[in-house]
Amino acid sequence: MTQAFNVLIVVEFHKTKEGMEKEILERLQEHGLEPIPTLQRAHAWEMKVEAEDESLAKDKAIQEVYNVCRTYPFELRLLAQCGTGMILRRKKEFEV
């Protein structure tokens, strides 16, 4: 039985080219992530995800971010939190 979960995603961009970060942020909004403008260096997002449990909801949200970012060459540091489950931390280098 699927439920709606709110997933918090915090991302930090490294090794980006000029203008790339703005373009990625716009694309993330187009894919259903809502910005939370409370952090300075990193970018915080919230996404509503339909899933069986919190773990699957985090995985779906992370996959959505990866799908947007995979066409740009840079390093992404990501944190995902949903409900009372563990916080997931990921570091991924995207290459084109």
PDB file of N, CA and C in Angstrom:
ATOM      1  N   MET A   1       0.834  -1.178   0.000  1.00  0.00           N
ATOM      2  CA  MET A   1       0.000   0.000   0.000  1.00  0.00           C
ATOM      3  C   MET A   1       0.885   1.250   0.000  1.00  0.00           C
ATOM      4  N   THR A   2       0.732   2.081  -0.995  1.00  0.00           N
ATOM      5  CA  THR A   2       1.577   3.263  -1.096  1.00  0.00           C
ATOM      6  C   THR A   2       1.041   4.407  -0.244  1.00  0.00           C
ATOM      7  N   GLN A   3       1.975   5.205   0.231  1.00  0.00           N
ATOM      8  CA  GLN A   3       1.673   6.384   1.029  1.00  0.00           C
ATOM      9  C   GLN A   3       2.423   7.570   0.437  1.00  0.00           C
ATOM     10  N   ALA A   4       2.023   8.764   0.846  1.00  0.00           N
ATOM     11  CA  ALA A   4       2.740   9.972   0.419  1.00  0.00           C
ATOM     12  C   ALA A   4       3.750  10.339   1.507  1.00  0.00           C
ATOM     13  N   PHE A   5       5.004  10.486   1.112  1.00  0.00           N
ATOM     14  CA  PHE A   5       6.072  10.862   2.027  1.00  0.00           C
ATOM     15  C   PHE A   5       6.694  12.168   1.551  1.00  0.00           C
ATOM     16  N   ASN A   6       7.072  13.015   2.501  1.00  0.00           N
ATOM     17  CA  ASN A   6       7.851  14.203   2.190  1.00  0.00           C
ATOM     18  C   ASN A   6       9.308  13.866   2.440  1.00  0.00           C
ATOM     19  N   VAL A   7      10.138  14.029   1.423  1.00  0.00           N
ATOM     20  CA  VAL A   7      11.553  13.719   1.519  1.00  0.00           C
ATOM     21  C   VAL A   7      12.333  15.026   1.469  1.00  0.00           C
ATOM     22  N   LEU A   8      13.226  15.215   2.431  1.00  0.00           N
ATOM     23  CA  LEU A   8      14.111  16.369   2.450  1.00  0.00           C
ATOM     24  C   LEU A   8      15.398  15.995   1.733  1.00  0.00           C
ATOM     25  N   ILE A   9      15.774  16.788   0.755  1.00  0.00           N
ATOM     26  CA  ILE A   9      17.007  16.569   0.000  1.00  0.00           C
ATOM     27  C   ILE A   9      17.855  17.829   0.145  1.00  0.00           C
ATOM     28  N   VAL A  10      19.110  17.659   0.569  1.00  0.00           N
ATOM     29  CA  VAL A  10      20.049  18.775   0.637  1.00  0.00           C
ATOM     30  C   VAL A  10      21.198  18.433  -0.297  1.00  0.00           C
ATOM     31  N   VAL A  11      21.490  19.337  -1.227  1.00  0.00           N
ATOM     32  CA  VAL A  11      22.564  19.087  -2.190  1.00  0.00           C
ATOM     33  C   VAL A  11      23.593  20.203  -2.121  1.00  0.00           C
ATOM     34  N   GLU A  12      24.818  19.827  -2.419  1.00  0.00           N
ATOM     35  CA  GLU A  12      25.918  20.771  -2.498  1.00  0.00           C
ATOM     36  C   GLU A  12      26.659  20.472  -3.800  1.00  0.00           C
ATOM     37  N   PHE A  13      26.905  21.504  -4.590  1.00  0.00           N
ATOM     38  CA  PHE A  13      27.552  21.344  -5.888  1.00  0.00           C
ATOM     39  C   PHE A  13      29.036  21.690  -5.778  1.00  0.00           C
ATOM     40  N   HIS A  14      29.884  20.885  -6.424  1.00  0.00           N
ATOM     41  CA  HIS A  14      31.319  21.132  -6.470  1.00  0.00           C
ATOM     42  C   HIS A  14      31.795  20.958  -7.910  1.00  0.00           C
ATOM     43  N   LYS A  15      32.785  21.739  -8.274  1.00  0.00           N
ATOM     44  CA  LYS A  15      33.414  21.656  -9.607  1.00  0.00           C
ATOM     45  C   LYS A  15      32.415  21.958 -10.725  1.00  0.00           C
ATOM     46  N   THR A  16      31.541  22.937 -10.522  1.00  0.00           N
ATOM     47  CA  THR A  16      30.586  23.306 -11.566  1.00  0.00           C
ATOM     48  C   THR A  16      31.145  24.439 -12.410  1.00  0.00           C
ATOM     49  N   LYS A  17      30.662  24.527 -13.626  1.00  0.00           N
ATOM     50  CA  LYS A  17      31.026  25.621 -14.518  1.00  0.00           C
ATOM     51  C   LYS A  17      30.015  26.748 -14.352  1.00  0.00           C
ATOM     52  N   GLU A  18      30.388  27.929 -14.804  1.00  0.00           N
ATOM     53  CA  GLU A  18      29.531  29.102 -14.665  1.00  0.00           C
ATOM     54  C   GLU A  18      28.174  28.878 -15.332  1.00  0.00           C
ATOM     55  N   GLY A  19      27.114  29.179 -14.618  1.00  0.00           N
ATOM     56  CA  GLY A  19      25.761  29.040 -15.143  1.00  0.00           C
ATOM     57  C   GLY A  19      25.164  27.656 -14.990  1.00  0.00           C
ATOM     58  N   MET A  20      25.993  26.649 -14.765  1.00  0.00           N
ATOM     59  CA  MET A  20      25.525  25.266 -14.677  1.00  0.00           C
ATOM     60  C   MET A  20      24.629  25.062 -13.455  1.00  0.00           C
ATOM     61  N   GLU A  21      25.032  25.604 -12.311  1.00  0.00           N
ATOM     62  CA  GLU A  21      24.281  25.402 -11.078  1.00  0.00           C
ATOM     63  C   GLU A  21      22.862  25.971 -11.189  1.00  0.00           C
ATOM     64  N   LYS A  22      22.728  27.154 -11.757  1.00  0.00           N
ATOM     65  CA  LYS A  22      21.412  27.776 -11.919  1.00  0.00           C
ATOM     66  C   LYS A  22      20.513  26.922 -12.815  1.00  0.00           C
ATOM     67  N   GLU A  23      21.089  26.412 -13.890  1.00  0.00           N
ATOM     68  CA  GLU A  23      20.329  25.567 -14.819  1.00  0.00           C
ATOM     69  C   GLU A  23      19.859  24.281 -14.137  1.00  0.00           C
ATOM     70  N   ILE A  24      20.732  23.661 -13.328  1.00  0.00           N
ATOM     71  CA  ILE A  24      20.363  22.440 -12.614  1.00  0.00           C
ATOM     72  C   ILE A  24      19.246  22.722 -11.620  1.00  0.00           C
ATOM     73  N   LEU A  25      19.346  23.831 -10.895  1.00  0.00           N
ATOM     74  CA  LEU A  25      18.318  24.182  -9.904  1.00  0.00           C
ATOM     75  C   LEU A  25      16.963  24.394 -10.566  1.00  0.00           C
ATOM     76  N   GLU A  26      16.945  25.028 -11.729  1.00  0.00           N
ATOM     77  CA  GLU A  26      15.688  25.228 -12.458  1.00  0.00           C
ATOM     78  C   GLU A  26      15.092  23.891 -12.903  1.00  0.00           C
ATOM     79  N   ARG A  27      15.939  22.984 -13.368  1.00  0.00           N
ATOM     80  CA  ARG A  27      15.465  21.672 -13.810  1.00  0.00           C
ATOM     81  C   ARG A  27      14.929  20.842 -12.645  1.00  0.00           C
ATOM     82  N   LEU A  28      15.553  20.963 -11.479  1.00  0.00           N
ATOM     83  CA  LEU A  28      15.064  20.238 -10.306  1.00  0.00           C
ATOM     84  C   LEU A  28      13.658  20.703  -9.932  1.00  0.00           C
ATOM     85  N   GLN A  29      13.408  22.006 -10.023  1.00  0.00           N
ATOM     86  CA  GLN A  29      12.065  22.518  -9.745  1.00  0.00           C
ATOM     87  C   GLN A  29      11.060  21.976 -10.750  1.00  0.00           C
ATOM     88  N   GLU A  30      11.452  21.868 -12.014  1.00  0.00           N
ATOM     89  CA  GLU A  30      10.568  21.329 -13.042  1.00  0.00           C
ATOM     90  C   GLU A  30      10.204  19.868 -12.758  1.00  0.00           C
ATOM     91  N   HIS A  31      11.081  19.162 -12.033  1.00  0.00           N
ATOM     92  CA  HIS A  31      10.863  17.739 -11.729  1.00  0.00           C
ATOM     93  C   HIS A  31      10.186  17.515 -10.381  1.00  0.00           C
ATOM     94  N   GLY A  32       9.584  18.547  -9.819  1.00  0.00           N
ATOM     95  CA  GLY A  32       8.770  18.378  -8.626  1.00  0.00           C
ATOM     96  C   GLY A  32       9.448  18.632  -7.298  1.00  0.00           C
ATOM     97  N   LEU A  33      10.679  19.098  -7.286  1.00  0.00           N
ATOM     98  CA  LEU A  33      11.339  19.415  -6.027  1.00  0.00           C
ATOM     99  C   LEU A  33      11.050  20.875  -5.680  1.00  0.00           C
ATOM    100  N   GLU A  34      10.628  21.104  -4.443  1.00  0.00           N
ATOM    101  CA  GLU A  34      10.304  22.451  -3.990  1.00  0.00           C
ATOM    102  C   GLU A  34      11.470  22.990  -3.162  1.00  0.00           C
ATOM    103  N   PRO A  35      12.000  24.164  -3.514  1.00  0.00           N
ATOM    104  CA  PRO A  35      13.145  24.704  -2.778  1.00  0.00           C
ATOM    105  C   PRO A  35      12.781  25.163  -1.365  1.00  0.00           C
ATOM    106  N   ILE A  36      13.720  24.976  -0.447  1.00  0.00           N
ATOM    107  CA  ILE A  36      13.611  25.470   0.928  1.00  0.00           C
ATOM    108  C   ILE A  36      14.802  26.410   1.122  1.00  0.00           C
ATOM    109  N   PRO A  37      14.597  27.721   1.048  1.00  0.00           N
ATOM    110  CA  PRO A  37      15.726  28.682   1.037  1.00  0.00           C
ATOM    111  C   PRO A  37      16.270  29.017   2.422  1.00  0.00           C
ATOM    112  N   THR A  38      16.738  28.025   3.184  1.00  0.00           N
ATOM    113  CA  THR A  38      17.221  28.296   4.529  1.00  0.00           C
ATOM    114  C   THR A  38      18.711  28.048   4.728  1.00  0.00           C
ATOM    115  N   LEU A  39      19.352  27.375   3.799  1.00  0.00           N
ATOM    116  CA  LEU A  39      20.776  27.088   3.933  1.00  0.00           C
ATOM    117  C   LEU A  39      21.576  27.963   2.976  1.00  0.00           C
ATOM    118  N   GLN A  40      22.772  28.357   3.386  1.00  0.00           N
ATOM    119  CA  GLN A  40      23.579  29.267   2.594  1.00  0.00           C
ATOM    120  C   GLN A  40      24.338  28.567   1.463  1.00  0.00           C
ATOM    121  N   ARG A  41      25.235  27.663   1.791  1.00  0.00           N
ATOM    122  CA  ARG A  41      26.116  27.064   0.787  1.00  0.00           C
ATOM    123  C   ARG A  41      25.453  25.913   0.035  1.00  0.00           C
ATOM    124  N   ALA A  42      24.616  25.178   0.715  1.00  0.00           N
ATOM    125  CA  ALA A  42      23.935  24.042   0.096  1.00  0.00           C
ATOM    126  C   ALA A  42      22.525  24.457  -0.308  1.00  0.00           C
ATOM    127  N   HIS A  43      21.859  23.627  -1.051  1.00  0.00           N
ATOM    128  CA  HIS A  43      20.494  23.880  -1.498  1.00  0.00           C
ATOM    129  C   HIS A  43      19.593  22.807  -0.895  1.00  0.00           C
ATOM    130  N   ALA A  44      18.510  23.234  -0.257  1.00  0.00           N
ATOM    131  CA  ALA A  44      17.579  22.302   0.381  1.00  0.00           C
ATOM    132  C   ALA A  44      16.307  22.217  -0.452  1.00  0.00           C
ATOM    133  N   TRP A  45      15.804  21.003  -0.601  1.00  0.00           N
ATOM    134  CA  TRP A  45      14.610  20.739  -1.395  1.00  0.00           C
ATOM    135  C   TRP A  45      13.701  19.794  -0.637  1.00  0.00           C
ATOM    136  N   GLU A  46      12.421  19.886  -0.922  1.00  0.00           N
ATOM    137  CA  GLU A  46      11.455  18.935  -0.386  1.00  0.00           C
ATOM    138  C   GLU A  46      10.688  18.359  -1.563  1.00  0.00           C
ATOM    139  N   MET A  47      10.425  17.071  -1.497  1.00  0.00           N
ATOM    140  CA  MET A  47       9.716  16.412  -2.586  1.00  0.00           C
ATOM    141  C   MET A  47       8.689  15.450  -2.009  1.00  0.00           C
ATOM    142  N   LYS A  48       7.483  15.497  -2.509  1.00  0.00           N
ATOM    143  CA  LYS A  48       6.433  14.565  -2.096  1.00  0.00           C
ATOM    144  C   LYS A  48       6.536  13.343  -3.001  1.00  0.00           C
ATOM    145  N   VAL A  49       6.661  12.165  -2.380  1.00  0.00           N
ATOM    146  CA  VAL A  49       6.878  10.925  -3.117  1.00  0.00           C
ATOM    147  C   VAL A  49       5.872   9.875  -2.658  1.00  0.00           C
ATOM    148  N   GLU A  50       5.274   9.184  -3.607  1.00  0.00           N
ATOM    149  CA  GLU A  50       4.396   8.046  -3.318  1.00  0.00           C
ATOM    150  C   GLU A  50       5.262   6.790  -3.283  1.00  0.00           C
ATOM    151  N   ALA A  51       5.249   6.091  -2.140  1.00  0.00           N
ATOM    152  CA  ALA A  51       6.079   4.889  -2.011  1.00  0.00           C
ATOM    153  C   ALA A  51       5.508   3.974  -0.931  1.00  0.00           C
ATOM    154  N   GLU A  52       6.044   2.748  -0.898  1.00  0.00           N
ATOM    155  CA  GLU A  52       5.628   1.759   0.093  1.00  0.00           C
ATOM    156  C   GLU A  52       6.120   2.113   1.495  1.00  0.00           C
ATOM    157  N   ASP A  53       7.364   2.617   1.584  1.00  0.00           N
ATOM    158  CA  ASP A  53       7.925   2.982   2.884  1.00  0.00           C
ATOM    159  C   ASP A  53       8.916   4.138   2.735  1.00  0.00           C
ATOM    160  N   GLU A  54       9.475   4.577   3.869  1.00  0.00           N
ATOM    161  CA  GLU A  54      10.385   5.722   3.877  1.00  0.00           C
ATOM    162  C   GLU A  54      11.641   5.474   3.057  1.00  0.00           C
ATOM    163  N   SER A  55      12.162   4.283   3.128  1.00  0.00           N
ATOM    164  CA  SER A  55      13.382   3.938   2.403  1.00  0.00           C
ATOM    165  C   SER A  55      13.179   4.047   0.892  1.00  0.00           C
ATOM    166  N   LEU A  56      12.087   3.512   0.395  1.00  0.00           N
ATOM    167  CA  LEU A  56      11.788   3.602  -1.036  1.00  0.00           C
ATOM    168  C   LEU A  56      11.527   5.042  -1.456  1.00  0.00           C
ATOM    169  N   ALA A  57      10.917   5.825  -0.579  1.00  0.00           N
ATOM    170  CA  ALA A  57      10.665   7.228  -0.881  1.00  0.00           C
ATOM    171  C   ALA A  57      11.981   7.986  -1.047  1.00  0.00           C
ATOM    172  N   LYS A  58      12.944   7.727  -0.154  1.00  0.00           N
ATOM    173  CA  LYS A  58      14.268   8.363  -0.271  1.00  0.00           C
ATOM    174  C   LYS A  58      14.949   7.940  -1.568  1.00  0.00           C
ATOM    175  N   ASP A  59      14.885   6.649  -1.883  1.00  0.00           N
ATOM    176  CA  ASP A  59      15.518   6.155  -3.110  1.00  0.00           C
ATOM    177  C   ASP A  59      14.922   6.809  -4.352  1.00  0.00           C
ATOM    178  N   LYS A  60      13.599   6.950  -4.386  1.00  0.00           N
ATOM    179  CA  LYS A  60      12.947   7.582  -5.543  1.00  0.00           C
ATOM    180  C   LYS A  60      13.345   9.046  -5.674  1.00  0.00           C
ATOM    181  N   ALA A  61      13.419   9.759  -4.564  1.00  0.00           N
ATOM    182  CA  ALA A  61      13.803  11.174  -4.597  1.00  0.00           C
ATOM    183  C   ALA A  61      15.248  11.333  -5.053  1.00  0.00           C
ATOM    184  N   ILE A  62      16.136  10.487  -4.544  1.00  0.00           N
ATOM    185  CA  ILE A  62      17.541  10.540  -4.952  1.00  0.00           C
ATOM    186  C   ILE A  62      17.666  10.234  -6.441  1.00  0.00           C
ATOM    187  N   GLN A  63      16.943   9.250  -6.922  1.00  0.00           N
ATOM    188  CA  GLN A  63      16.990   8.897  -8.338  1.00  0.00           C
ATOM    189  C   GLN A  63      16.529  10.060  -9.209  1.00  0.00           C
ATOM    190  N   GLU A  64      15.517  10.791  -8.762  1.00  0.00           N
ATOM    191  CA  GLU A  64      15.034  11.954  -9.513  1.00  0.00           C
ATOM    192  C   GLU A  64      16.126  13.017  -9.621  1.00  0.00           C
ATOM    193  N   VAL A  65      16.837  13.263  -8.523  1.00  0.00           N
ATOM    194  CA  VAL A  65      17.943  14.234  -8.543  1.00  0.00           C
ATOM    195  C   VAL A  65      19.037  13.743  -9.480  1.00  0.00           C
ATOM    196  N   TYR A  66      19.392  12.473  -9.395  1.00  0.00           N
ATOM    197  CA  TYR A  66      20.428  11.916 -10.273  1.00  0.00           C
ATOM    198  C   TYR A  66      20.036  12.019 -11.745  1.00  0.00           C
ATOM    199  N   ASN A  67      18.767  11.777 -12.063  1.00  0.00           N
ATOM    200  CA  ASN A  67      18.324  11.861 -13.452  1.00  0.00           C
ATOM    201  C   ASN A  67      18.507  13.265 -14.019  1.00  0.00           C
ATOM    202  N   VAL A  68      18.281  14.275 -13.197  1.00  0.00           N
ATOM    203  CA  VAL A  68      18.474  15.655 -13.644  1.00  0.00           C
ATOM    204  C   VAL A  68      19.956  15.970 -13.785  1.00  0.00           C
ATOM    205  N   CYS A  69      20.759  15.536 -12.836  1.00  0.00           N
ATOM    206  CA  CYS A  69      22.170  15.943 -12.762  1.00  0.00           C
ATOM    207  C   CYS A  69      23.108  15.153 -13.666  1.00  0.00           C
ATOM    208  N   ARG A  70      22.707  14.000 -14.137  1.00  0.00           N
ATOM    209  CA  ARG A  70      23.639  13.119 -14.848  1.00  0.00           C
ATOM    210  C   ARG A  70      24.150  13.668 -16.174  1.00  0.00           C
ATOM    211  N   THR A  71      23.527  14.702 -16.714  1.00  0.00           N
ATOM    212  CA  THR A  71      23.982  15.251 -17.989  1.00  0.00           C
ATOM    213  C   THR A  71      24.991  16.382 -17.821  1.00  0.00           C
ATOM    214  N   TYR A  72      25.384  16.661 -16.581  1.00  0.00           N
ATOM    215  CA  TYR A  72      26.344  17.732 -16.303  1.00  0.00           C
ATOM    216  C   TYR A  72      27.587  17.147 -15.633  1.00  0.00           C
ATOM    217  N   PRO A  73      28.770  17.592 -16.036  1.00  0.00           N
ATOM    218  CA  PRO A  73      30.004  17.084 -15.404  1.00  0.00           C
ATOM    219  C   PRO A  73      30.340  17.884 -14.139  1.00  0.00           C
ATOM    220  N   PHE A  74      30.077  17.314 -12.968  1.00  0.00           N
ATOM    221  CA  PHE A  74      30.417  17.957 -11.697  1.00  0.00           C
ATOM    222  C   PHE A  74      30.313  16.935 -10.577  1.00  0.00           C
ATOM    223  N   GLU A  75      30.635  17.368  -9.362  1.00  0.00           N
ATOM    224  CA  GLU A  75      30.525  16.502  -8.192  1.00  0.00           C
ATOM    225  C   GLU A  75      29.336  16.955  -7.354  1.00  0.00           C
ATOM    226  N   LEU A  76      28.509  16.003  -6.948  1.00  0.00           N
ATOM    227  CA  LEU A  76      27.320  16.273  -6.152  1.00  0.00           C
ATOM    228  C   LEU A  76      27.465  15.605  -4.790  1.00  0.00           C
ATOM    229  N   ARG A  77      27.185  16.372  -3.749  1.00  0.00           N
ATOM    230  CA  ARG A  77      27.105  15.809  -2.402  1.00  0.00           C
ATOM    231  C   ARG A  77      25.662  15.961  -1.958  1.00  0.00           C
ATOM    232  N   LEU A  78      25.072  14.876  -1.488  1.00  0.00           N
ATOM    233  CA  LEU A  78      23.636  14.831  -1.251  1.00  0.00           C
ATOM    234  C   LEU A  78      23.332  14.206   0.105  1.00  0.00           C
ATOM    235  N   LEU A  79      22.305  14.721   0.745  1.00  0.00           N
ATOM    236  CA  LEU A  79      21.785  14.171   1.987  1.00  0.00           C
ATOM    237  C   LEU A  79      20.284  14.015   1.806  1.00  0.00           C
ATOM    238  N   ALA A  80      19.721  12.881   2.209  1.00  0.00           N
ATOM    239  CA  ALA A  80      18.279  12.641   2.084  1.00  0.00           C
ATOM    240  C   ALA A  80      17.722  12.166   3.414  1.00  0.00           C
ATOM    241  N   GLN A  81      16.581  12.737   3.819  1.00  0.00           N
ATOM    242  CA  GLN A  81      15.927  12.367   5.065  1.00  0.00           C
ATOM    243  C   GLN A  81      14.429  12.242   4.824  1.00  0.00           C
ATOM    244  N   CYS A  82      13.833  11.211   5.410  1.00  0.00           N
ATOM    245  CA  CYS A  82      12.392  11.001   5.303  1.00  0.00           C
ATOM    246  C   CYS A  82      11.902  10.372   6.593  1.00  0.00           C
ATOM    247  N   GLY A  83      10.936  11.004   7.247  1.00  0.00           N
ATOM    248  CA  GLY A  83      10.346  10.446   8.464  1.00  0.00           C
ATOM    249  C   GLY A  83      11.361  10.214   9.555  1.00  0.00           C
ATOM    250  N   THR A  84      11.290   9.049  10.192  1.00  0.00           N
ATOM    251  CA  THR A  84      12.185   8.736  11.305  1.00  0.00           C
ATOM    252  C   THR A  84      13.337   7.823  10.895  1.00  0.00           C
ATOM    253  N   GLY A  85      13.448   7.557   9.593  1.00  0.00           N
ATOM    254  CA  GLY A  85      14.499   6.670   9.105  1.00  0.00           C
ATOM    255  C   GLY A  85      15.869   7.307   9.121  1.00  0.00           C
ATOM    256  N   MET A  86      16.868   6.523   8.778  1.00  0.00           N
ATOM    257  CA  MET A  86      18.246   6.998   8.751  1.00  0.00           C
ATOM    258  C   MET A  86      18.439   8.051   7.676  1.00  0.00           C
ATOM    259  N   ILE A  87      19.397   8.933   7.909  1.00  0.00           N
ATOM    260  CA  ILE A  87      19.767   9.940   6.922  1.00  0.00           C
ATOM    261  C   ILE A  87      20.730   9.291   5.941  1.00  0.00           C
ATOM    262  N   LEU A  88      20.447   9.409   4.659  1.00  0.00           N
ATOM    263  CA  LEU A  88      21.341   8.868   3.627  1.00  0.00           C
ATOM    264  C   LEU A  88      22.273   9.974   3.148  1.00  0.00           C
ATOM    265  N   ARG A  89      23.536   9.648   3.042  1.00  0.00           N
ATOM    266  CA  ARG A  89      24.516  10.594   2.512  1.00  0.00           C
ATOM    267  C   ARG A  89      25.156   9.960   1.283  1.00  0.00           C
ATOM    268  N   ARG A  90      25.248  10.734   0.223  1.00  0.00           N
ATOM    269  CA  ARG A  90      25.830  10.233  -1.024  1.00  0.00           C
ATOM    270  C   ARG A  90      26.763  11.281  -1.608  1.00  0.00           C
ATOM    271  N   LYS A  91      27.800  10.811  -2.261  1.00  0.00           N
ATOM    272  CA  LYS A  91      28.711  11.666  -3.007  1.00  0.00           C
ATOM    273  C   LYS A  91      28.845  11.014  -4.365  1.00  0.00           C
ATOM    274  N   LYS A  92      28.592  11.789  -5.421  1.00  0.00           N
ATOM    275  CA  LYS A  92      28.610  11.202  -6.766  1.00  0.00           C
ATOM    276  C   LYS A  92      29.288  12.166  -7.722  1.00  0.00           C
ATOM    277  N   GLU A  93      30.154  11.621  -8.550  1.00  0.00           N
ATOM    278  CA  GLU A  93      30.844  12.386  -9.596  1.00  0.00           C
ATOM    279  C   GLU A  93      30.180  12.060 -10.918  1.00  0.00           C
ATOM    280  N   PHE A  94      29.624  13.082 -11.565  1.00  0.00           N
ATOM    281  CA  PHE A  94      28.975  12.899 -12.862  1.00  0.00           C
ATOM    282  C   PHE A  94      29.970  13.259 -13.960  1.00  0.00           C
ATOM    283  N   GLU A  95      30.049  12.442 -14.973  1.00  0.00           N
ATOM    284  CA  GLU A  95      30.921  12.682 -16.122  1.00  0.00           C
ATOM    285  C   GLU A  95      30.094  12.609 -17.400  1.00  0.00           C
ATOM    286  N   VAL A  96      30.453  13.432 -18.353  1.00  0.00           N
ATOM    287  CA  VAL A  96      29.728  13.422 -19.628  1.00  0.00           C
ATOM    288  C   VAL A  96      30.596  12.822 -20.695  1.00  0.00           C
TER     289      VAL A  96
END
